[in-house]
């Protein structure tokens, strides 16, 4: 097979991975416009560093996630206001049929999501990043090592430690009293 057919073209790489990079950015940024900026800058950097791309085709997506992560961090350092992640209902236990939900289900889901956000926000940016790459982007240890530019062993240790810290933060968030648990003396009394 000619070498030109064995090496994917940049255009083919872009067509295959732009959606994944966009979703990666959308999960980390508040606006779609900012996410598209990340896609543009990611592929511009990939073009500039085309000769340094991974040889293994199954590592390309992780390589692009690593570049995209750097672009997001650069935007934040440049003074772009703090960006929040968008929570996907799937993965937090919300039923897929919204008509089957009761008001109590919706309230419980909101509390669970809030607790998860509180826990995630307590983590360092590095811990959040590795958990998001593993959980939301579906990267395995090899993919994490490529995206984070560390060895697979280092990625494994970092992921393990980040998961332990997330568990501790979730336990702490769960132990924080909610409005429903506030003492009666602190609740609003009609006519007060």
C-alpha atoms as a PDB file:
ATOM      1  CA  UNK A   1       0.000   0.000   0.000  1.00  0.00           C
ATOM      2  CA  UNK A   2       1.416   3.433  -0.868  1.00  0.00           C
ATOM      3  CA  UNK A   3       2.528   5.440   2.156  1.00  0.00           C
ATOM      4  CA  UNK A   4       0.143   8.259   1.221  1.00  0.00           C
ATOM      5  CA  UNK A   5      -2.820   5.897   1.695  1.00  0.00           C
ATOM      6  CA  UNK A   6      -1.545   4.560   5.020  1.00  0.00           C
ATOM      7  CA  UNK A   7      -1.313   8.017   6.611  1.00  0.00           C
ATOM      8  CA  UNK A   8      -4.679   9.679   7.182  1.00  0.00           C
ATOM      9  CA  UNK A   9      -5.055  13.105   5.650  1.00  0.00           C
ATOM     10  CA  UNK A  10      -5.629  16.092   7.862  1.00  0.00           C
ATOM     11  CA  UNK A  11      -9.031  16.580   6.260  1.00  0.00           C
ATOM     12  CA  UNK A  12     -10.039  12.999   7.101  1.00  0.00           C
ATOM     13  CA  UNK A  13      -8.789  13.469  10.666  1.00  0.00           C
ATOM     14  CA  UNK A  14     -10.841  16.653  10.996  1.00  0.00           C
ATOM     15  CA  UNK A  15     -14.024  15.045   9.621  1.00  0.00           C
ATOM     16  CA  UNK A  16     -13.647  12.042  11.911  1.00  0.00           C
ATOM     17  CA  UNK A  17     -12.857  13.846  15.168  1.00  0.00           C
ATOM     18  CA  UNK A  18     -14.360  17.348  15.032  1.00  0.00           C
ATOM     19  CA  UNK A  19     -17.596  16.190  16.679  1.00  0.00           C
ATOM     20  CA  UNK A  20     -15.747  14.552  19.560  1.00  0.00           C
ATOM     21  CA  UNK A  21     -13.584  17.649  20.094  1.00  0.00           C
ATOM     22  CA  UNK A  22     -16.675  19.871  19.972  1.00  0.00           C
ATOM     23  CA  UNK A  23     -18.468  17.748  22.598  1.00  0.00           C
ATOM     24  CA  UNK A  24     -15.281  17.806  24.689  1.00  0.00           C
ATOM     25  CA  UNK A  25     -15.284  21.614  24.573  1.00  0.00           C
ATOM     26  CA  UNK A  26     -19.037  21.966  25.123  1.00  0.00           C
ATOM     27  CA  UNK A  27     -18.780  19.978  28.337  1.00  0.00           C
ATOM     28  CA  UNK A  28     -16.201  22.414  29.630  1.00  0.00           C
ATOM     29  CA  UNK A  29     -17.495  25.756  28.385  1.00  0.00           C
ATOM     30  CA  UNK A  30     -20.668  27.770  28.834  1.00  0.00           C
ATOM     31  CA  UNK A  31     -21.247  28.782  25.246  1.00  0.00           C
ATOM     32  CA  UNK A  32     -21.286  26.939  21.955  1.00  0.00           C
ATOM     33  CA  UNK A  33     -19.391  29.848  20.407  1.00  0.00           C
ATOM     34  CA  UNK A  34     -16.506  29.314  22.844  1.00  0.00           C
ATOM     35  CA  UNK A  35     -16.633  25.560  22.177  1.00  0.00           C
ATOM     36  CA  UNK A  36     -16.334  26.134  18.424  1.00  0.00           C
ATOM     37  CA  UNK A  37     -13.363  28.428  19.099  1.00  0.00           C
ATOM     38  CA  UNK A  38     -11.731  25.538  20.949  1.00  0.00           C
ATOM     39  CA  UNK A  39     -12.378  23.236  17.970  1.00  0.00           C
ATOM     40  CA  UNK A  40     -10.784  25.758  15.593  1.00  0.00           C
ATOM     41  CA  UNK A  41      -7.738  26.320  17.771  1.00  0.00           C
ATOM     42  CA  UNK A  42      -7.354  22.600  18.455  1.00  0.00           C
ATOM     43  CA  UNK A  43      -7.240  21.675  14.794  1.00  0.00           C
ATOM     44  CA  UNK A  44      -4.993  24.626  13.989  1.00  0.00           C
ATOM     45  CA  UNK A  45      -2.540  23.342  16.608  1.00  0.00           C
ATOM     46  CA  UNK A  46      -2.930  19.795  15.264  1.00  0.00           C
ATOM     47  CA  UNK A  47      -2.092  21.099  11.775  1.00  0.00           C
ATOM     48  CA  UNK A  48       0.974  22.925  13.090  1.00  0.00           C
ATOM     49  CA  UNK A  49       2.130  19.796  14.946  1.00  0.00           C
ATOM     50  CA  UNK A  50       1.046  17.303  12.283  1.00  0.00           C
ATOM     51  CA  UNK A  51       4.461  15.637  12.238  1.00  0.00           C
ATOM     52  CA  UNK A  52       4.229  14.980  16.009  1.00  0.00           C
ATOM     53  CA  UNK A  53       0.858  13.209  15.917  1.00  0.00           C
ATOM     54  CA  UNK A  54       0.727   9.707  17.455  1.00  0.00           C
ATOM     55  CA  UNK A  55       1.619   6.891  15.119  1.00  0.00           C
ATOM     56  CA  UNK A  56      -1.218   4.697  16.411  1.00  0.00           C
ATOM     57  CA  UNK A  57      -4.556   5.759  14.938  1.00  0.00           C
ATOM     58  CA  UNK A  58      -6.387   4.789  18.128  1.00  0.00           C
ATOM     59  CA  UNK A  59      -4.396   7.450  20.043  1.00  0.00           C
ATOM     60  CA  UNK A  60      -5.329  10.364  17.765  1.00  0.00           C
ATOM     61  CA  UNK A  61      -8.544  11.271  19.646  1.00  0.00           C
ATOM     62  CA  UNK A  62      -6.714  11.326  22.986  1.00  0.00           C
ATOM     63  CA  UNK A  63      -3.982  13.492  21.405  1.00  0.00           C
ATOM     64  CA  UNK A  64      -6.659  15.924  20.198  1.00  0.00           C
ATOM     65  CA  UNK A  65      -8.269  15.957  23.663  1.00  0.00           C
ATOM     66  CA  UNK A  66      -4.878  16.865  25.114  1.00  0.00           C
ATOM     67  CA  UNK A  67      -4.566  19.782  22.692  1.00  0.00           C
ATOM     68  CA  UNK A  68      -8.161  20.861  23.314  1.00  0.00           C
ATOM     69  CA  UNK A  69      -7.572  20.760  27.075  1.00  0.00           C
ATOM     70  CA  UNK A  70      -4.606  23.079  26.661  1.00  0.00           C
ATOM     71  CA  UNK A  71      -6.716  25.449  24.537  1.00  0.00           C
ATOM     72  CA  UNK A  72      -9.407  25.593  27.224  1.00  0.00           C
ATOM     73  CA  UNK A  73      -6.814  26.279  29.924  1.00  0.00           C
ATOM     74  CA  UNK A  74      -5.219  28.980  27.774  1.00  0.00           C
ATOM     75  CA  UNK A  75      -8.600  30.671  27.337  1.00  0.00           C
ATOM     76  CA  UNK A  76      -9.109  30.675  31.084  1.00  0.00           C
ATOM     77  CA  UNK A  77      -5.649  32.084  31.729  1.00  0.00           C
ATOM     78  CA  UNK A  78      -6.322  34.793  29.167  1.00  0.00           C
ATOM     79  CA  UNK A  79      -9.059  36.176  31.401  1.00  0.00           C
ATOM     80  CA  UNK A  80     -12.181  34.565  29.981  1.00  0.00           C
ATOM     81  CA  UNK A  81     -14.673  34.389  32.825  1.00  0.00           C
ATOM     82  CA  UNK A  82     -14.888  31.188  34.751  1.00  0.00           C
ATOM     83  CA  UNK A  83     -16.709  28.617  32.651  1.00  0.00           C
ATOM     84  CA  UNK A  84     -19.060  26.037  34.066  1.00  0.00           C
ATOM     85  CA  UNK A  85     -19.602  22.509  32.889  1.00  0.00           C
ATOM     86  CA  UNK A  86     -23.022  21.536  31.592  1.00  0.00           C
ATOM     87  CA  UNK A  87     -24.471  18.572  33.388  1.00  0.00           C
ATOM     88  CA  UNK A  88     -25.952  15.855  31.265  1.00  0.00           C
ATOM     89  CA  UNK A  89     -29.025  14.291  32.744  1.00  0.00           C
ATOM     90  CA  UNK A  90     -27.886  10.871  31.657  1.00  0.00           C
ATOM     91  CA  UNK A  91     -25.300   9.646  34.111  1.00  0.00           C
ATOM     92  CA  UNK A  92     -26.996  11.265  37.068  1.00  0.00           C
ATOM     93  CA  UNK A  93     -29.871   8.814  37.205  1.00  0.00           C
ATOM     94  CA  UNK A  94     -32.650  10.884  35.659  1.00  0.00           C
ATOM     95  CA  UNK A  95     -35.231   8.724  33.904  1.00  0.00           C
ATOM     96  CA  UNK A  96     -35.235   8.938  30.120  1.00  0.00           C
ATOM     97  CA  UNK A  97     -39.025   9.430  29.930  1.00  0.00           C
ATOM     98  CA  UNK A  98     -39.700  12.904  31.390  1.00  0.00           C
ATOM     99  CA  UNK A  99     -43.446  12.248  31.560  1.00  0.00           C
ATOM    100  CA  UNK A 100     -42.787   9.481  34.098  1.00  0.00           C
ATOM    101  CA  UNK A 101     -41.145  11.889  36.547  1.00  0.00           C
ATOM    102  CA  UNK A 102     -42.896  13.174  39.616  1.00  0.00           C
ATOM    103  CA  UNK A 103     -42.168  16.524  41.239  1.00  0.00           C
ATOM    104  CA  UNK A 104     -40.299  14.618  43.942  1.00  0.00           C
ATOM    105  CA  UNK A 105     -38.140  12.852  41.321  1.00  0.00           C
ATOM    106  CA  UNK A 106     -37.243  16.186  39.757  1.00  0.00           C
ATOM    107  CA  UNK A 107     -36.421  17.727  43.143  1.00  0.00           C
ATOM    108  CA  UNK A 108     -34.303  14.710  44.138  1.00  0.00           C
ATOM    109  CA  UNK A 109     -32.433  14.904  40.836  1.00  0.00           C
ATOM    110  CA  UNK A 110     -31.748  18.597  41.348  1.00  0.00           C
ATOM    111  CA  UNK A 111     -30.345  17.890  44.823  1.00  0.00           C
ATOM    112  CA  UNK A 112     -28.146  15.040  43.488  1.00  0.00           C
ATOM    113  CA  UNK A 113     -26.847  17.218  40.673  1.00  0.00           C
ATOM    114  CA  UNK A 114     -26.136  20.082  43.044  1.00  0.00           C
ATOM    115  CA  UNK A 115     -24.234  17.759  45.383  1.00  0.00           C
ATOM    116  CA  UNK A 116     -22.242  16.349  42.457  1.00  0.00           C
ATOM    117  CA  UNK A 117     -21.350  19.869  41.296  1.00  0.00           C
ATOM    118  CA  UNK A 118     -20.328  20.902  44.787  1.00  0.00           C
ATOM    119  CA  UNK A 119     -18.091  17.858  45.052  1.00  0.00           C
ATOM    120  CA  UNK A 120     -16.569  18.389  41.609  1.00  0.00           C
ATOM    121  CA  UNK A 121     -15.927  22.074  42.287  1.00  0.00           C
ATOM    122  CA  UNK A 122     -14.002  21.179  45.464  1.00  0.00           C
ATOM    123  CA  UNK A 123     -11.465  19.242  43.408  1.00  0.00           C
ATOM    124  CA  UNK A 124      -8.381  20.707  41.805  1.00  0.00           C
ATOM    125  CA  UNK A 125      -8.523  21.499  38.085  1.00  0.00           C
ATOM    126  CA  UNK A 126      -6.179  18.554  37.427  1.00  0.00           C
ATOM    127  CA  UNK A 127      -8.467  16.139  39.304  1.00  0.00           C
ATOM    128  CA  UNK A 128     -11.538  17.445  37.473  1.00  0.00           C
ATOM    129  CA  UNK A 129      -9.781  17.123  34.121  1.00  0.00           C
ATOM    130  CA  UNK A 130      -8.709  13.493  34.551  1.00  0.00           C
ATOM    131  CA  UNK A 131     -12.144  12.482  35.884  1.00  0.00           C
ATOM    132  CA  UNK A 132     -13.865  14.191  32.951  1.00  0.00           C
ATOM    133  CA  UNK A 133     -11.528  12.596  30.415  1.00  0.00           C
ATOM    134  CA  UNK A 134     -12.133   9.162  31.906  1.00  0.00           C
ATOM    135  CA  UNK A 135     -15.838   9.481  32.689  1.00  0.00           C
ATOM    136  CA  UNK A 136     -17.274  11.746  30.027  1.00  0.00           C
ATOM    137  CA  UNK A 137     -14.819  11.273  27.179  1.00  0.00           C
ATOM    138  CA  UNK A 138     -14.404   7.544  27.826  1.00  0.00           C
ATOM    139  CA  UNK A 139     -10.616   7.481  27.690  1.00  0.00           C
ATOM    140  CA  UNK A 140      -8.826   4.427  29.048  1.00  0.00           C
ATOM    141  CA  UNK A 141      -5.446   4.594  30.784  1.00  0.00           C
ATOM    142  CA  UNK A 142      -3.542   4.666  27.508  1.00  0.00           C
ATOM    143  CA  UNK A 143      -5.759   7.475  26.216  1.00  0.00           C
ATOM    144  CA  UNK A 144      -5.363   9.380  29.475  1.00  0.00           C
ATOM    145  CA  UNK A 145      -1.595   9.060  29.263  1.00  0.00           C
ATOM    146  CA  UNK A 146      -1.608  10.481  25.724  1.00  0.00           C
ATOM    147  CA  UNK A 147      -4.031  13.334  26.552  1.00  0.00           C
ATOM    148  CA  UNK A 148      -2.180  14.314  29.717  1.00  0.00           C
ATOM    149  CA  UNK A 149       1.278  13.607  28.303  1.00  0.00           C
ATOM    150  CA  UNK A 150       2.234  11.303  31.177  1.00  0.00           C
ATOM    151  CA  UNK A 151       3.001   7.595  31.462  1.00  0.00           C
ATOM    152  CA  UNK A 152       0.138   5.111  31.773  1.00  0.00           C
ATOM    153  CA  UNK A 153       1.290   4.315  35.323  1.00  0.00           C
ATOM    154  CA  UNK A 154       1.165   8.007  36.272  1.00  0.00           C
ATOM    155  CA  UNK A 155      -2.292   8.333  34.689  1.00  0.00           C
ATOM    156  CA  UNK A 156      -3.486   5.317  36.686  1.00  0.00           C
ATOM    157  CA  UNK A 157      -2.235   6.778  39.974  1.00  0.00           C
ATOM    158  CA  UNK A 158      -3.685  10.226  39.223  1.00  0.00           C
ATOM    159  CA  UNK A 159      -7.052   8.742  38.276  1.00  0.00           C
ATOM    160  CA  UNK A 160      -7.151   6.600  41.413  1.00  0.00           C
ATOM    161  CA  UNK A 161      -6.304   9.557  43.645  1.00  0.00           C
ATOM    162  CA  UNK A 162      -8.808  11.837  41.882  1.00  0.00           C
ATOM    163  CA  UNK A 163     -11.548   9.235  42.349  1.00  0.00           C
ATOM    164  CA  UNK A 164     -10.762   8.947  46.066  1.00  0.00           C
ATOM    165  CA  UNK A 165     -10.852  12.730  46.452  1.00  0.00           C
ATOM    166  CA  UNK A 166     -14.160  12.868  44.562  1.00  0.00           C
ATOM    167  CA  UNK A 167     -15.638  10.211  46.850  1.00  0.00           C
ATOM    168  CA  UNK A 168     -14.551  12.247  49.884  1.00  0.00           C
ATOM    169  CA  UNK A 169     -15.991  15.440  48.390  1.00  0.00           C
ATOM    170  CA  UNK A 170     -19.274  13.663  47.602  1.00  0.00           C
ATOM    171  CA  UNK A 171     -19.472  12.394  51.177  1.00  0.00           C
ATOM    172  CA  UNK A 172     -18.836  15.917  52.437  1.00  0.00           C
ATOM    173  CA  UNK A 173     -21.491  17.362  50.101  1.00  0.00           C
ATOM    174  CA  UNK A 174     -23.970  14.707  51.235  1.00  0.00           C
ATOM    175  CA  UNK A 175     -23.383  15.608  54.875  1.00  0.00           C
ATOM    176  CA  UNK A 176     -24.108  19.318  54.296  1.00  0.00           C
ATOM    177  CA  UNK A 177     -27.655  20.138  55.469  1.00  0.00           C
ATOM    178  CA  UNK A 178     -30.156  21.023  52.768  1.00  0.00           C
ATOM    179  CA  UNK A 179     -33.072  23.444  53.036  1.00  0.00           C
ATOM    180  CA  UNK A 180     -35.407  20.544  53.845  1.00  0.00           C
ATOM    181  CA  UNK A 181     -33.200  19.587  56.799  1.00  0.00           C
ATOM    182  CA  UNK A 182     -32.946  23.092  58.258  1.00  0.00           C
ATOM    183  CA  UNK A 183     -34.294  23.484  61.792  1.00  0.00           C
ATOM    184  CA  UNK A 184     -37.903  24.694  62.014  1.00  0.00           C
ATOM    185  CA  UNK A 185     -36.741  27.877  63.721  1.00  0.00           C
ATOM    186  CA  UNK A 186     -34.842  28.810  60.537  1.00  0.00           C
ATOM    187  CA  UNK A 187     -37.729  28.290  58.136  1.00  0.00           C
ATOM    188  CA  UNK A 188     -40.061  31.004  56.964  1.00  0.00           C
ATOM    189  CA  UNK A 189     -43.206  31.263  59.041  1.00  0.00           C
ATOM    190  CA  UNK A 190     -46.285  32.703  57.381  1.00  0.00           C
ATOM    191  CA  UNK A 191     -47.242  36.000  58.929  1.00  0.00           C
ATOM    192  CA  UNK A 192     -43.732  36.626  60.293  1.00  0.00           C
END
